[in-house]
C-alpha atoms as a PDB file:
ATOM      1  CA  MET A   1      31.455  -5.600 -11.130  1.00  0.00           C
ATOM      2  CA  TRP A   2      31.307  -2.222  -9.357  1.00  0.00           C
ATOM      3  CA  ALA A   3      28.869  -0.827 -11.903  1.00  0.00           C
ATOM      4  CA  GLY A   4      26.408  -3.647 -11.187  1.00  0.00           C
ATOM      5  CA  ILE A   5      26.505  -3.052  -7.432  1.00  0.00           C
ATOM      6  CA  ARG A   6      26.145   0.692  -7.859  1.00  0.00           C
ATOM      7  CA  GLU A   7      23.087   0.362 -10.118  1.00  0.00           C
ATOM      8  CA  ASN A   8      21.253  -1.633  -7.432  1.00  0.00           C
ATOM      9  CA  MET A   9      21.673   1.201  -4.905  1.00  0.00           C
ATOM     10  CA  VAL A  10      20.019   3.848  -7.106  1.00  0.00           C
ATOM     11  CA  ALA A  11      16.321   4.509  -6.590  1.00  0.00           C
ATOM     12  CA  LYS A  12      14.387   6.474  -9.182  1.00  0.00           C
ATOM     13  CA  CYS A  13      10.807   7.621  -9.459  1.00  0.00           C
ATOM     14  CA  ILE A  14       8.968   9.190 -12.366  1.00  0.00           C
ATOM     15  CA  CYS A  15       7.173  12.529 -12.108  1.00  0.00           C
ATOM     16  CA  SER A  16       3.476  12.022 -12.792  1.00  0.00           C
ATOM     17  CA  VAL A  17       3.151  15.443 -14.471  1.00  0.00           C
ATOM     18  CA  CYS A  18       6.098  15.738 -16.881  1.00  0.00           C
ATOM     19  CA  GLY A  19       7.509  12.177 -16.898  1.00  0.00           C
ATOM     20  CA  GLN A  20      11.014  13.179 -15.757  1.00  0.00           C
ATOM     21  CA  LYS A  21      12.996  10.484 -13.931  1.00  0.00           C
ATOM     22  CA  ILE A  22      14.106  11.701 -10.472  1.00  0.00           C
ATOM     23  CA  ASP A  23      16.953  10.054  -8.527  1.00  0.00           C
ATOM     24  CA  ILE A  24      15.888   9.520  -4.901  1.00  0.00           C
ATOM     25  CA  GLY A  25      18.713   7.199  -3.850  1.00  0.00           C
ATOM     26  CA  GLY A  26      19.811   9.237  -0.809  1.00  0.00           C
ATOM     27  CA  ILE A  27      16.365   9.625   0.752  1.00  0.00           C
ATOM     28  CA  ALA A  28      15.590   7.503   3.817  1.00  0.00           C
ATOM     29  CA  PRO A  29      12.457   5.367   3.288  1.00  0.00           C
ATOM     30  CA  ARG A  30       9.476   6.137   5.522  1.00  0.00           C
ATOM     31  CA  LEU A  31       6.329   4.151   6.265  1.00  0.00           C
ATOM     32  CA  GLU A  32       4.020   6.784   4.798  1.00  0.00           C
ATOM     33  CA  GLY A  33       6.257   7.320   1.749  1.00  0.00           C
ATOM     34  CA  VAL A  34       8.249  10.383   0.700  1.00  0.00           C
ATOM     35  CA  LYS A  35       7.317  13.573  -1.098  1.00  0.00           C
ATOM     36  CA  VAL A  36       9.515  14.239  -4.123  1.00  0.00           C
ATOM     37  CA  TYR A  37       9.839  17.692  -5.724  1.00  0.00           C
ATOM     38  CA  CYS A  38      10.386  17.840  -9.494  1.00  0.00           C
ATOM     39  CA  ARG A  39      12.877  20.540 -10.472  1.00  0.00           C
ATOM     40  CA  ILE A  40      11.648  20.548 -14.082  1.00  0.00           C
ATOM     41  CA  CYS A  41       7.921  21.286 -13.675  1.00  0.00           C
ATOM     42  CA  GLY A  42       7.665  22.139  -9.949  1.00  0.00           C
ATOM     43  CA  ALA A  43       5.207  19.372  -9.069  1.00  0.00           C
ATOM     44  CA  THR A  44       5.347  17.437  -5.801  1.00  0.00           C
ATOM     45  CA  THR A  45       4.676  13.701  -6.064  1.00  0.00           C
ATOM     46  CA  HIS A  46       4.214  11.083  -3.373  1.00  0.00           C
ATOM     47  CA  HIS A  47       6.392   7.960  -3.722  1.00  0.00           C
ATOM     48  CA  LYS A  48       6.462   4.736  -1.705  1.00  0.00           C
ATOM     49  CA  PHE A  49       9.539   2.493  -1.772  1.00  0.00           C
END
């Protein structure tokens, strides 16, 4: 039961350059979206919740 609840709280986006999945679960959502930095390739992507 706890695993199912925990999976719903995780937010992930995919880097548009390298395809790496990035966990953004702790970021507060904003109206204009958030900028996410990829640690693998160094690209910055824009993500809306």
